[in-house]
Amino acid sequence: VARQPIFDRNLKIYAYELLFRSNAQDNFNENSADQATYDLVSNTFLAL
């Protein structure tokens, strides 16, 4: 999980877009995108 800042007009960070990937072999098709989102929610947000 990486984060890319989103700025407002005053160059203050308004939000972060969370960029995620499951593993190196992942071709990131629909199924892997689904799984990555589930993992992001369960392993990252709910835990951290």
ModelCIF file with pLDDT and N, C-alpha, C, O atoms, coordinates in Angstrom:
data_MODEL
#
_entry.id   MODEL 
#
_entity.id                         1 
_entity.type                       polymer 
_entity.pdbx_number_of_molecules   1 
#
_entity_poly.entity_id                      1 
_entity_poly.type                           'polypeptide(L)' 
_entity_poly.nstd_linkage                   no 
_entity_poly.nstd_monomer                   no 
_entity_poly.pdbx_seq_one_letter_code       VARQPIFDRNLKIYAYELLFRSNAQDNFNENSADQATYDLVSNTFLAL 
_entity_poly.pdbx_seq_one_letter_code_can   VARQPIFDRNLKIYAYELLFRSNAQDNFNENSADQATYDLVSNTFLAL 
_entity_poly.pdbx_strand_id                 A 
#
loop_
_entity_poly_seq.entity_id 
_entity_poly_seq.num 
_entity_poly_seq.mon_id 
_entity_poly_seq.hetero 
1 1  VAL n 
1 2  ALA n 
1 3  ARG n 
1 4  GLN n 
1 5  PRO n 
1 6  ILE n 
1 7  PHE n 
1 8  ASP n 
1 9  ARG n 
1 10 ASN n 
1 11 LEU n 
1 12 LYS n 
1 13 ILE n 
1 14 TYR n 
1 15 ALA n 
1 16 TYR n 
1 17 GLU n 
1 18 LEU n 
1 19 LEU n 
1 20 PHE n 
1 21 ARG n 
1 22 SER n 
1 23 ASN n 
1 24 ALA n 
1 25 GLN n 
1 26 ASP n 
1 27 ASN n 
1 28 PHE n 
1 29 ASN n 
1 30 GLU n 
1 31 ASN n 
1 32 SER n 
1 33 ALA n 
1 34 ASP n 
1 35 GLN n 
1 36 ALA n 
1 37 THR n 
1 38 TYR n 
1 39 ASP n 
1 40 LEU n 
1 41 VAL n 
1 42 SER n 
1 43 ASN n 
1 44 THR n 
1 45 PHE n 
1 46 LEU n 
1 47 ALA n 
1 48 LEU n 
#
_struct_asym.id          A 
_struct_asym.entity_id   1 
#
loop_
_ma_qa_metric.id 
_ma_qa_metric.mode 
_ma_qa_metric.name 
_ma_qa_metric.software_group_id 
_ma_qa_metric.type 
1 global pLDDT . pLDDT 
2 local  pLDDT . pLDDT 
#
_ma_qa_metric_global.metric_id      1 
_ma_qa_metric_global.metric_value   73.83 
_ma_qa_metric_global.model_id       1 
_ma_qa_metric_global.ordinal_id     1 
#
loop_
_ma_qa_metric_local.label_asym_id 
_ma_qa_metric_local.label_comp_id 
_ma_qa_metric_local.label_seq_id 
_ma_qa_metric_local.metric_id 
_ma_qa_metric_local.metric_value 
_ma_qa_metric_local.model_id 
_ma_qa_metric_local.ordinal_id 
A VAL 1  2 82.00 1 1  
A ALA 2  2 85.00 1 2  
A ARG 3  2 87.00 1 3  
A GLN 4  2 89.00 1 4  
A PRO 5  2 90.00 1 5  
A ILE 6  2 94.00 1 6  
A PHE 7  2 93.00 1 7  
A ASP 8  2 94.00 1 8  
A ARG 9  2 93.00 1 9  
A ASN 10 2 88.00 1 10 
A LEU 11 2 86.00 1 11 
A LYS 12 2 87.00 1 12 
A ILE 13 2 89.00 1 13 
A TYR 14 2 94.00 1 14 
A ALA 15 2 94.00 1 15 
A TYR 16 2 92.00 1 16 
A GLU 17 2 92.00 1 17 
A LEU 18 2 88.00 1 18 
A LEU 19 2 83.00 1 19 
A PHE 20 2 80.00 1 20 
A ARG 21 2 76.00 1 21 
A SER 22 2 66.00 1 22 
A ASN 23 2 64.00 1 23 
A ALA 24 2 59.00 1 24 
A GLN 25 2 55.00 1 25 
A ASP 26 2 50.00 1 26 
A ASN 27 2 49.00 1 27 
A PHE 28 2 48.00 1 28 
A ASN 29 2 51.00 1 29 
A GLU 30 2 54.00 1 30 
A ASN 31 2 57.00 1 31 
A SER 32 2 62.00 1 32 
A ALA 33 2 69.00 1 33 
A ASP 34 2 75.00 1 34 
A GLN 35 2 73.00 1 35 
A ALA 36 2 70.00 1 36 
A THR 37 2 76.00 1 37 
A TYR 38 2 75.00 1 38 
A ASP 39 2 71.00 1 39 
A LEU 40 2 70.00 1 40 
A VAL 41 2 72.00 1 41 
A SER 42 2 68.00 1 42 
A ASN 43 2 60.00 1 43 
A THR 44 2 60.00 1 44 
A PHE 45 2 63.00 1 45 
A LEU 46 2 58.00 1 46 
A ALA 47 2 55.00 1 47 
A LEU 48 2 58.00 1 48 
#
loop_
_atom_site.group_PDB 
_atom_site.id 
_atom_site.type_symbol 
_atom_site.label_atom_id 
_atom_site.label_alt_id 
_atom_site.label_comp_id 
_atom_site.label_asym_id 
_atom_site.label_entity_id 
_atom_site.label_seq_id 
_atom_site.pdbx_PDB_ins_code 
_atom_site.Cartn_x 
_atom_site.Cartn_y 
_atom_site.Cartn_z 
_atom_site.occupancy 
_atom_site.B_iso_or_equiv 
_atom_site.pdbx_formal_charge 
_atom_site.auth_seq_id 
_atom_site.auth_comp_id 
_atom_site.auth_asym_id 
_atom_site.auth_atom_id 
_atom_site.pdbx_PDB_model_num 
ATOM 1   N N  . VAL A 1 1  ? 0.850   -1.185  0.000   1.00 82.00 ? 1  VAL A N  1 
ATOM 2   C CA . VAL A 1 1  ? 0.000   0.000   0.000   1.00 82.00 ? 1  VAL A CA 1 
ATOM 3   C C  . VAL A 1 1  ? 0.888   1.239   0.000   1.00 82.00 ? 1  VAL A C  1 
ATOM 4   O O  . VAL A 1 1  ? 1.675   1.445   0.924   1.00 82.00 ? 1  VAL A O  1 
ATOM 5   N N  . ALA A 1 2  ? 0.762   2.054   -1.028  1.00 85.00 ? 2  ALA A N  1 
ATOM 6   C CA . ALA A 1 2  ? 1.452   3.340   -1.079  1.00 85.00 ? 2  ALA A CA 1 
ATOM 7   C C  . ALA A 1 2  ? 0.391   4.439   -1.068  1.00 85.00 ? 2  ALA A C  1 
ATOM 8   O O  . ALA A 1 2  ? -0.792  4.174   -1.282  1.00 85.00 ? 2  ALA A O  1 
ATOM 9   N N  . ARG A 1 3  ? 0.817   5.651   -0.821  1.00 87.00 ? 3  ARG A N  1 
ATOM 10  C CA . ARG A 1 3  ? -0.141  6.749   -0.784  1.00 87.00 ? 3  ARG A CA 1 
ATOM 11  C C  . ARG A 1 3  ? 0.377   7.894   -1.652  1.00 87.00 ? 3  ARG A C  1 
ATOM 12  O O  . ARG A 1 3  ? 1.559   8.234   -1.605  1.00 87.00 ? 3  ARG A O  1 
ATOM 13  N N  . GLN A 1 4  ? -0.508  8.476   -2.434  1.00 89.00 ? 4  GLN A N  1 
ATOM 14  C CA . GLN A 1 4  ? -0.142  9.622   -3.255  1.00 89.00 ? 4  GLN A CA 1 
ATOM 15  C C  . GLN A 1 4  ? -0.963  10.816  -2.796  1.00 89.00 ? 4  GLN A C  1 
ATOM 16  O O  . GLN A 1 4  ? -2.193  10.749  -2.778  1.00 89.00 ? 4  GLN A O  1 
ATOM 17  N N  . PRO A 1 5  ? -0.302  11.908  -2.423  1.00 90.00 ? 5  PRO A N  1 
ATOM 18  C CA . PRO A 1 5  ? -1.050  13.057  -1.894  1.00 90.00 ? 5  PRO A CA 1 
ATOM 19  C C  . PRO A 1 5  ? -1.909  13.742  -2.952  1.00 90.00 ? 5  PRO A C  1 
ATOM 20  O O  . PRO A 1 5  ? -1.550  13.809  -4.127  1.00 90.00 ? 5  PRO A O  1 
ATOM 21  N N  . ILE A 1 6  ? -3.039  14.242  -2.503  1.00 94.00 ? 6  ILE A N  1 
ATOM 22  C CA . ILE A 1 6  ? -3.928  15.066  -3.322  1.00 94.00 ? 6  ILE A CA 1 
ATOM 23  C C  . ILE A 1 6  ? -3.975  16.444  -2.660  1.00 94.00 ? 6  ILE A C  1 
ATOM 24  O O  . ILE A 1 6  ? -4.350  16.562  -1.494  1.00 94.00 ? 6  ILE A O  1 
ATOM 25  N N  . PHE A 1 7  ? -3.596  17.478  -3.401  1.00 93.00 ? 7  PHE A N  1 
ATOM 26  C CA . PHE A 1 7  ? -3.471  18.822  -2.848  1.00 93.00 ? 7  PHE A CA 1 
ATOM 27  C C  . PHE A 1 7  ? -4.678  19.681  -3.190  1.00 93.00 ? 7  PHE A C  1 
ATOM 28  O O  . PHE A 1 7  ? -5.376  19.435  -4.174  1.00 93.00 ? 7  PHE A O  1 
ATOM 29  N N  . ASP A 1 8  ? -4.914  20.700  -2.356  1.00 94.00 ? 8  ASP A N  1 
ATOM 30  C CA . ASP A 1 8  ? -5.903  21.714  -2.697  1.00 94.00 ? 8  ASP A CA 1 
ATOM 31  C C  . ASP A 1 8  ? -5.188  22.898  -3.348  1.00 94.00 ? 8  ASP A C  1 
ATOM 32  O O  . ASP A 1 8  ? -3.992  22.829  -3.629  1.00 94.00 ? 8  ASP A O  1 
ATOM 33  N N  . ARG A 1 9  ? -5.912  23.964  -3.582  1.00 93.00 ? 9  ARG A N  1 
ATOM 34  C CA . ARG A 1 9  ? -5.337  25.121  -4.285  1.00 93.00 ? 9  ARG A CA 1 
ATOM 35  C C  . ARG A 1 9  ? -4.237  25.812  -3.473  1.00 93.00 ? 9  ARG A C  1 
ATOM 36  O O  . ARG A 1 9  ? -3.386  26.497  -4.041  1.00 93.00 ? 9  ARG A O  1 
ATOM 37  N N  . ASN A 1 10 ? -4.253  25.634  -2.154  1.00 88.00 ? 10 ASN A N  1 
ATOM 38  C CA . ASN A 1 10 ? -3.253  26.253  -1.284  1.00 88.00 ? 10 ASN A CA 1 
ATOM 39  C C  . ASN A 1 10 ? -2.057  25.343  -1.026  1.00 88.00 ? 10 ASN A C  1 
ATOM 40  O O  . ASN A 1 10 ? -1.233  25.610  -0.151  1.00 88.00 ? 10 ASN A O  1 
ATOM 41  N N  . LEU A 1 11 ? -1.975  24.253  -1.810  1.00 86.00 ? 11 LEU A N  1 
ATOM 42  C CA . LEU A 1 11 ? -0.910  23.263  -1.684  1.00 86.00 ? 11 LEU A CA 1 
ATOM 43  C C  . LEU A 1 11 ? -0.885  22.598  -0.313  1.00 86.00 ? 11 LEU A C  1 
ATOM 44  O O  . LEU A 1 11 ? 0.166   22.178  0.170   1.00 86.00 ? 11 LEU A O  1 
ATOM 45  N N  . LYS A 1 12 ? -2.054  22.511  0.298   1.00 87.00 ? 12 LYS A N  1 
ATOM 46  C CA . LYS A 1 12 ? -2.225  21.715  1.509   1.00 87.00 ? 12 LYS A CA 1 
ATOM 47  C C  . LYS A 1 12 ? -2.756  20.351  1.098   1.00 87.00 ? 12 LYS A C  1 
ATOM 48  O O  . LYS A 1 12 ? -3.549  20.248  0.163   1.00 87.00 ? 12 LYS A O  1 
ATOM 49  N N  . ILE A 1 13 ? -2.326  19.317  1.784   1.00 89.00 ? 13 ILE A N  1 
ATOM 50  C CA . ILE A 1 13 ? -2.807  17.983  1.435   1.00 89.00 ? 13 ILE A CA 1 
ATOM 51  C C  . ILE A 1 13 ? -4.263  17.829  1.865   1.00 89.00 ? 13 ILE A C  1 
ATOM 52  O O  . ILE A 1 13 ? -4.589  17.924  3.048   1.00 89.00 ? 13 ILE A O  1 
ATOM 53  N N  . TYR A 1 14 ? -5.119  17.595  0.894   1.00 94.00 ? 14 TYR A N  1 
ATOM 54  C CA . TYR A 1 14 ? -6.547  17.413  1.139   1.00 94.00 ? 14 TYR A CA 1 
ATOM 55  C C  . TYR A 1 14 ? -6.870  15.956  1.448   1.00 94.00 ? 14 TYR A C  1 
ATOM 56  O O  . TYR A 1 14 ? -7.714  15.661  2.294   1.00 94.00 ? 14 TYR A O  1 
ATOM 57  N N  . ALA A 1 15 ? -6.190  15.053  0.754   1.00 94.00 ? 15 ALA A N  1 
ATOM 58  C CA . ALA A 1 15 ? -6.455  13.621  0.913   1.00 94.00 ? 15 ALA A CA 1 
ATOM 59  C C  . ALA A 1 15 ? -5.265  12.838  0.370   1.00 94.00 ? 15 ALA A C  1 
ATOM 60  O O  . ALA A 1 15 ? -4.330  13.409  -0.192  1.00 94.00 ? 15 ALA A O  1 
ATOM 61  N N  . TYR A 1 16 ? -5.319  11.524  0.548   1.00 92.00 ? 16 TYR A N  1 
ATOM 62  C CA . TYR A 1 16 ? -4.342  10.636  -0.075  1.00 92.00 ? 16 TYR A CA 1 
ATOM 63  C C  . TYR A 1 16 ? -5.097  9.611   -0.912  1.00 92.00 ? 16 TYR A C  1 
ATOM 64  O O  . TYR A 1 16 ? -6.103  9.057   -0.468  1.00 92.00 ? 16 TYR A O  1 
ATOM 65  N N  . GLU A 1 17 ? -4.607  9.360   -2.125  1.00 92.00 ? 17 GLU A N  1 
ATOM 66  C CA . GLU A 1 17 ? -5.116  8.191   -2.849  1.00 92.00 ? 17 GLU A CA 1 
ATOM 67  C C  . GLU A 1 17 ? -4.251  7.010   -2.449  1.00 92.00 ? 17 GLU A C  1 
ATOM 68  O O  . GLU A 1 17 ? -3.023  7.090   -2.485  1.00 92.00 ? 17 GLU A O  1 
ATOM 69  N N  . LEU A 1 18 ? -4.894  5.912   -2.068  1.00 88.00 ? 18 LEU A N  1 
ATOM 70  C CA . LEU A 1 18 ? -4.165  4.720   -1.672  1.00 88.00 ? 18 LEU A CA 1 
ATOM 71  C C  . LEU A 1 18 ? -3.998  3.808   -2.872  1.00 88.00 ? 18 LEU A C  1 
ATOM 72  O O  . LEU A 1 18 ? -4.974  3.389   -3.494  1.00 88.00 ? 18 LEU A O  1 
ATOM 73  N N  . LEU A 1 19 ? -2.756  3.511   -3.185  1.00 83.00 ? 19 LEU A N  1 
ATOM 74  C CA . LEU A 1 19 ? -2.403  2.696   -4.339  1.00 83.00 ? 19 LEU A CA 1 
ATOM 75  C C  . LEU A 1 19 ? -1.931  1.345   -3.816  1.00 83.00 ? 19 LEU A C  1 
ATOM 76  O O  . LEU A 1 19 ? -1.058  1.288   -2.949  1.00 83.00 ? 19 LEU A O  1 
ATOM 77  N N  . PHE A 1 20 ? -2.489  0.276   -4.324  1.00 80.00 ? 20 PHE A N  1 
ATOM 78  C CA . PHE A 1 20 ? -2.171  -1.019  -3.736  1.00 80.00 ? 20 PHE A CA 1 
ATOM 79  C C  . PHE A 1 20 ? -1.996  -2.093  -4.786  1.00 80.00 ? 20 PHE A C  1 
ATOM 80  O O  . PHE A 1 20 ? -2.485  -2.002  -5.912  1.00 80.00 ? 20 PHE A O  1 
ATOM 81  N N  . ARG A 1 21 ? -1.267  -3.124  -4.358  1.00 76.00 ? 21 ARG A N  1 
ATOM 82  C CA . ARG A 1 21 ? -0.995  -4.265  -5.224  1.00 76.00 ? 21 ARG A CA 1 
ATOM 83  C C  . ARG A 1 21 ? -0.774  -5.475  -4.341  1.00 76.00 ? 21 ARG A C  1 
ATOM 84  O O  . ARG A 1 21 ? -0.199  -5.363  -3.258  1.00 76.00 ? 21 ARG A O  1 
ATOM 85  N N  . SER A 1 22 ? -1.229  -6.633  -4.798  1.00 66.00 ? 22 SER A N  1 
ATOM 86  C CA . SER A 1 22 ? -1.131  -7.832  -3.973  1.00 66.00 ? 22 SER A CA 1 
ATOM 87  C C  . SER A 1 22 ? 0.272   -8.428  -3.983  1.00 66.00 ? 22 SER A C  1 
ATOM 88  O O  . SER A 1 22 ? 0.830   -8.679  -2.915  1.00 66.00 ? 22 SER A O  1 
ATOM 89  N N  . ASN A 1 23 ? 0.861   -8.665  -5.160  1.00 64.00 ? 23 ASN A N  1 
ATOM 90  C CA . ASN A 1 23 ? 2.177   -9.293  -5.204  1.00 64.00 ? 23 ASN A CA 1 
ATOM 91  C C  . ASN A 1 23 ? 2.826   -9.072  -6.564  1.00 64.00 ? 23 ASN A C  1 
ATOM 92  O O  . ASN A 1 23 ? 2.225   -8.503  -7.474  1.00 64.00 ? 23 ASN A O  1 
ATOM 93  N N  . ALA A 1 24 ? 4.063   -9.535  -6.679  1.00 59.00 ? 24 ALA A N  1 
ATOM 94  C CA . ALA A 1 24 ? 4.851   -9.284  -7.884  1.00 59.00 ? 24 ALA A CA 1 
ATOM 95  C C  . ALA A 1 24 ? 4.303   -10.005 -9.103  1.00 59.00 ? 24 ALA A C  1 
ATOM 96  O O  . ALA A 1 24 ? 4.429   -9.513  -10.224 1.00 59.00 ? 24 ALA A O  1 
ATOM 97  N N  . GLN A 1 25 ? 3.688   -11.180 -8.891  1.00 55.00 ? 25 GLN A N  1 
ATOM 98  C CA . GLN A 1 25 ? 3.216   -11.978 -10.017 1.00 55.00 ? 25 GLN A CA 1 
ATOM 99  C C  . GLN A 1 25 ? 1.837   -11.559 -10.505 1.00 55.00 ? 25 GLN A C  1 
ATOM 100 O O  . GLN A 1 25 ? 1.371   -12.019 -11.548 1.00 55.00 ? 25 GLN A O  1 
ATOM 101 N N  . ASP A 1 26 ? 1.192   -10.690 -9.752  1.00 50.00 ? 26 ASP A N  1 
ATOM 102 C CA . ASP A 1 26 ? -0.180  -10.300 -10.031 1.00 50.00 ? 26 ASP A CA 1 
ATOM 103 C C  . ASP A 1 26 ? -0.289  -9.561  -11.361 1.00 50.00 ? 26 ASP A C  1 
ATOM 104 O O  . ASP A 1 26 ? 0.396   -8.558  -11.560 1.00 50.00 ? 26 ASP A O  1 
ATOM 105 N N  . ASN A 1 27 ? -1.129  -10.031 -12.268 1.00 49.00 ? 27 ASN A N  1 
ATOM 106 C CA . ASN A 1 27 ? -1.381  -9.313  -13.521 1.00 49.00 ? 27 ASN A CA 1 
ATOM 107 C C  . ASN A 1 27 ? -2.454  -8.240  -13.368 1.00 49.00 ? 27 ASN A C  1 
ATOM 108 O O  . ASN A 1 27 ? -2.746  -7.486  -14.296 1.00 49.00 ? 27 ASN A O  1 
ATOM 109 N N  . PHE A 1 28 ? -3.022  -8.195  -12.184 1.00 48.00 ? 28 PHE A N  1 
ATOM 110 C CA . PHE A 1 28 ? -4.014  -7.180  -11.823 1.00 48.00 ? 28 PHE A CA 1 
ATOM 111 C C  . PHE A 1 28 ? -5.236  -7.204  -12.727 1.00 48.00 ? 28 PHE A C  1 
ATOM 112 O O  . PHE A 1 28 ? -5.633  -6.178  -13.279 1.00 48.00 ? 28 PHE A O  1 
ATOM 113 N N  . ASN A 1 29 ? -5.825  -8.379  -12.873 1.00 51.00 ? 29 ASN A N  1 
ATOM 114 C CA . ASN A 1 29 ? -7.109  -8.490  -13.545 1.00 51.00 ? 29 ASN A CA 1 
ATOM 115 C C  . ASN A 1 29 ? -8.209  -8.181  -12.547 1.00 51.00 ? 29 ASN A C  1 
ATOM 116 O O  . ASN A 1 29 ? -7.939  -7.776  -11.416 1.00 51.00 ? 29 ASN A O  1 
ATOM 117 N N  . GLU A 1 30 ? -9.453  -8.376  -12.972 1.00 54.00 ? 30 GLU A N  1 
ATOM 118 C CA . GLU A 1 30 ? -10.578 -8.017  -12.091 1.00 54.00 ? 30 GLU A CA 1 
ATOM 119 C C  . GLU A 1 30 ? -10.528 -8.774  -10.771 1.00 54.00 ? 30 GLU A C  1 
ATOM 120 O O  . GLU A 1 30 ? -10.771 -8.194  -9.714  1.00 54.00 ? 30 GLU A O  1 
ATOM 121 N N  . ASN A 1 31 ? -10.212 -10.078 -10.826 1.00 57.00 ? 31 ASN A N  1 
ATOM 122 C CA . ASN A 1 31 ? -10.173 -10.878 -9.593  1.00 57.00 ? 31 ASN A CA 1 
ATOM 123 C C  . ASN A 1 31 ? -9.091  -10.400 -8.648  1.00 57.00 ? 31 ASN A C  1 
ATOM 124 O O  . ASN A 1 31 ? -9.325  -10.279 -7.446  1.00 57.00 ? 31 ASN A O  1 
ATOM 125 N N  . SER A 1 32 ? -7.894  -10.122 -9.182  1.00 62.00 ? 32 SER A N  1 
ATOM 126 C CA . SER A 1 32 ? -6.808  -9.677  -8.314  1.00 62.00 ? 32 SER A CA 1 
ATOM 127 C C  . SER A 1 32 ? -7.092  -8.284  -7.759  1.00 62.00 ? 32 SER A C  1 
ATOM 128 O O  . SER A 1 32 ? -6.724  -7.983  -6.623  1.00 62.00 ? 32 SER A O  1 
ATOM 129 N N  . ALA A 1 33 ? -7.744  -7.433  -8.551  1.00 69.00 ? 33 ALA A N  1 
ATOM 130 C CA . ALA A 1 33 ? -8.113  -6.101  -8.063  1.00 69.00 ? 33 ALA A CA 1 
ATOM 131 C C  . ALA A 1 33 ? -9.109  -6.216  -6.910  1.00 69.00 ? 33 ALA A C  1 
ATOM 132 O O  . ALA A 1 33 ? -9.009  -5.493  -5.919  1.00 69.00 ? 33 ALA A O  1 
ATOM 133 N N  . ASP A 1 34 ? -10.066 -7.124  -7.048  1.00 75.00 ? 34 ASP A N  1 
ATOM 134 C CA . ASP A 1 34 ? -11.019 -7.371  -5.962  1.00 75.00 ? 34 ASP A CA 1 
ATOM 135 C C  . ASP A 1 34 ? -10.277 -7.796  -4.700  1.00 75.00 ? 34 ASP A C  1 
ATOM 136 O O  . ASP A 1 34 ? -10.505 -7.253  -3.619  1.00 75.00 ? 34 ASP A O  1 
ATOM 137 N N  . GLN A 1 35 ? -9.380  -8.780  -4.853  1.00 73.00 ? 35 GLN A N  1 
ATOM 138 C CA . GLN A 1 35 ? -8.674  -9.329  -3.697  1.00 73.00 ? 35 GLN A CA 1 
ATOM 139 C C  . GLN A 1 35 ? -7.783  -8.273  -3.046  1.00 73.00 ? 35 GLN A C  1 
ATOM 140 O O  . GLN A 1 35 ? -7.694  -8.197  -1.821  1.00 73.00 ? 35 GLN A O  1 
ATOM 141 N N  . ALA A 1 36 ? -7.124  -7.459  -3.874  1.00 70.00 ? 36 ALA A N  1 
ATOM 142 C CA . ALA A 1 36 ? -6.258  -6.417  -3.332  1.00 70.00 ? 36 ALA A CA 1 
ATOM 143 C C  . ALA A 1 36 ? -7.058  -5.409  -2.510  1.00 70.00 ? 36 ALA A C  1 
ATOM 144 O O  . ALA A 1 36 ? -6.597  -4.945  -1.467  1.00 70.00 ? 36 ALA A O  1 
ATOM 145 N N  . THR A 1 37 ? -8.258  -5.074  -2.985  1.00 76.00 ? 37 THR A N  1 
ATOM 146 C CA . THR A 1 37 ? -9.104  -4.140  -2.238  1.00 76.00 ? 37 THR A CA 1 
ATOM 147 C C  . THR A 1 37 ? -9.550  -4.748  -0.918  1.00 76.00 ? 37 THR A C  1 
ATOM 148 O O  . THR A 1 37 ? -9.533  -4.076  0.113   1.00 76.00 ? 37 THR A O  1 
ATOM 149 N N  . TYR A 1 38 ? -9.949  -6.019  -0.943  1.00 75.00 ? 38 TYR A N  1 
ATOM 150 C CA . TYR A 1 38 ? -10.334 -6.697  0.300   1.00 75.00 ? 38 TYR A CA 1 
ATOM 151 C C  . TYR A 1 38 ? -9.162  -6.726  1.282   1.00 75.00 ? 38 TYR A C  1 
ATOM 152 O O  . TYR A 1 38 ? -9.332  -6.465  2.472   1.00 75.00 ? 38 TYR A O  1 
ATOM 153 N N  . ASP A 1 39 ? -7.968  -7.048  0.768   1.00 71.00 ? 39 ASP A N  1 
ATOM 154 C CA . ASP A 1 39 ? -6.788  -7.098  1.629   1.00 71.00 ? 39 ASP A CA 1 
ATOM 155 C C  . ASP A 1 39 ? -6.471  -5.725  2.200   1.00 71.00 ? 39 ASP A C  1 
ATOM 156 O O  . ASP A 1 39 ? -6.102  -5.589  3.367   1.00 71.00 ? 39 ASP A O  1 
ATOM 157 N N  . LEU A 1 40 ? -6.621  -4.713  1.357   1.00 70.00 ? 40 LEU A N  1 
ATOM 158 C CA . LEU A 1 40 ? -6.372  -3.345  1.796   1.00 70.00 ? 40 LEU A CA 1 
ATOM 159 C C  . LEU A 1 40 ? -7.265  -2.995  2.984   1.00 70.00 ? 40 LEU A C  1 
ATOM 160 O O  . LEU A 1 40 ? -6.802  -2.437  3.980   1.00 70.00 ? 40 LEU A O  1 
ATOM 161 N N  . VAL A 1 41 ? -8.534  -3.325  2.869   1.00 72.00 ? 41 VAL A N  1 
ATOM 162 C CA . VAL A 1 41 ? -9.489  -3.003  3.922   1.00 72.00 ? 41 VAL A CA 1 
ATOM 163 C C  . VAL A 1 41 ? -9.219  -3.824  5.183   1.00 72.00 ? 41 VAL A C  1 
ATOM 164 O O  . VAL A 1 41 ? -9.135  -3.271  6.279   1.00 72.00 ? 41 VAL A O  1 
ATOM 165 N N  . SER A 1 42 ? -9.084  -5.151  5.027   1.00 68.00 ? 42 SER A N  1 
ATOM 166 C CA . SER A 1 42 ? -8.980  -6.024  6.195   1.00 68.00 ? 42 SER A CA 1 
ATOM 167 C C  . SER A 1 42 ? -7.620  -5.967  6.874   1.00 68.00 ? 42 SER A C  1 
ATOM 168 O O  . SER A 1 42 ? -7.534  -5.917  8.101   1.00 68.00 ? 42 SER A O  1 
ATOM 169 N N  . ASN A 1 43 ? -6.537  -5.975  6.061   1.00 60.00 ? 43 ASN A N  1 
ATOM 170 C CA . ASN A 1 43 ? -5.201  -6.050  6.648   1.00 60.00 ? 43 ASN A CA 1 
ATOM 171 C C  . ASN A 1 43 ? -4.588  -4.694  6.957   1.00 60.00 ? 43 ASN A C  1 
ATOM 172 O O  . ASN A 1 43 ? -3.697  -4.592  7.800   1.00 60.00 ? 43 ASN A O  1 
ATOM 173 N N  . THR A 1 44 ? -5.056  -3.662  6.286   1.00 60.00 ? 44 THR A N  1 
ATOM 174 C CA . THR A 1 44 ? -4.436  -2.356  6.468   1.00 60.00 ? 44 THR A CA 1 
ATOM 175 C C  . THR A 1 44 ? -5.283  -1.439  7.338   1.00 60.00 ? 44 THR A C  1 
ATOM 176 O O  . THR A 1 44 ? -4.839  -1.006  8.402   1.00 60.00 ? 44 THR A O  1 
ATOM 177 N N  . PHE A 1 45 ? -6.497  -1.140  6.893   1.00 63.00 ? 45 PHE A N  1 
ATOM 178 C CA . PHE A 1 45 ? -7.306  -0.186  7.640   1.00 63.00 ? 45 PHE A CA 1 
ATOM 179 C C  . PHE A 1 45 ? -7.770  -0.725  8.980   1.00 63.00 ? 45 PHE A C  1 
ATOM 180 O O  . PHE A 1 45 ? -7.595  -0.079  10.013  1.00 63.00 ? 45 PHE A O  1 
ATOM 181 N N  . LEU A 1 46 ? -8.359  -1.905  8.959   1.00 58.00 ? 46 LEU A N  1 
ATOM 182 C CA . LEU A 1 46 ? -8.947  -2.417  10.194  1.00 58.00 ? 46 LEU A CA 1 
ATOM 183 C C  . LEU A 1 46 ? -7.871  -2.755  11.211  1.00 58.00 ? 46 LEU A C  1 
ATOM 184 O O  . LEU A 1 46 ? -8.117  -2.708  12.417  1.00 58.00 ? 46 LEU A O  1 
ATOM 185 N N  . ALA A 1 47 ? -6.662  -3.102  10.726  1.00 55.00 ? 47 ALA A N  1 
ATOM 186 C CA . ALA A 1 47 ? -5.575  -3.440  11.636  1.00 55.00 ? 47 ALA A CA 1 
ATOM 187 C C  . ALA A 1 47 ? -4.797  -2.206  12.081  1.00 55.00 ? 47 ALA A C  1 
ATOM 188 O O  . ALA A 1 47 ? -4.429  -2.091  13.250  1.00 55.00 ? 47 ALA A O  1 
ATOM 189 N N  . LEU A 1 48 ? -4.545  -1.282  11.153  1.00 58.00 ? 48 LEU A N  1 
ATOM 190 C CA . LEU A 1 48 ? -3.683  -0.138  11.444  1.00 58.00 ? 48 LEU A CA 1 
ATOM 191 C C  . LEU A 1 48 ? -4.440  1.134   11.790  1.00 58.00 ? 48 LEU A C  1 
ATOM 192 O O  . LEU A 1 48 ? -3.824  2.166   12.055  1.00 58.00 ? 48 LEU A O  1 
#
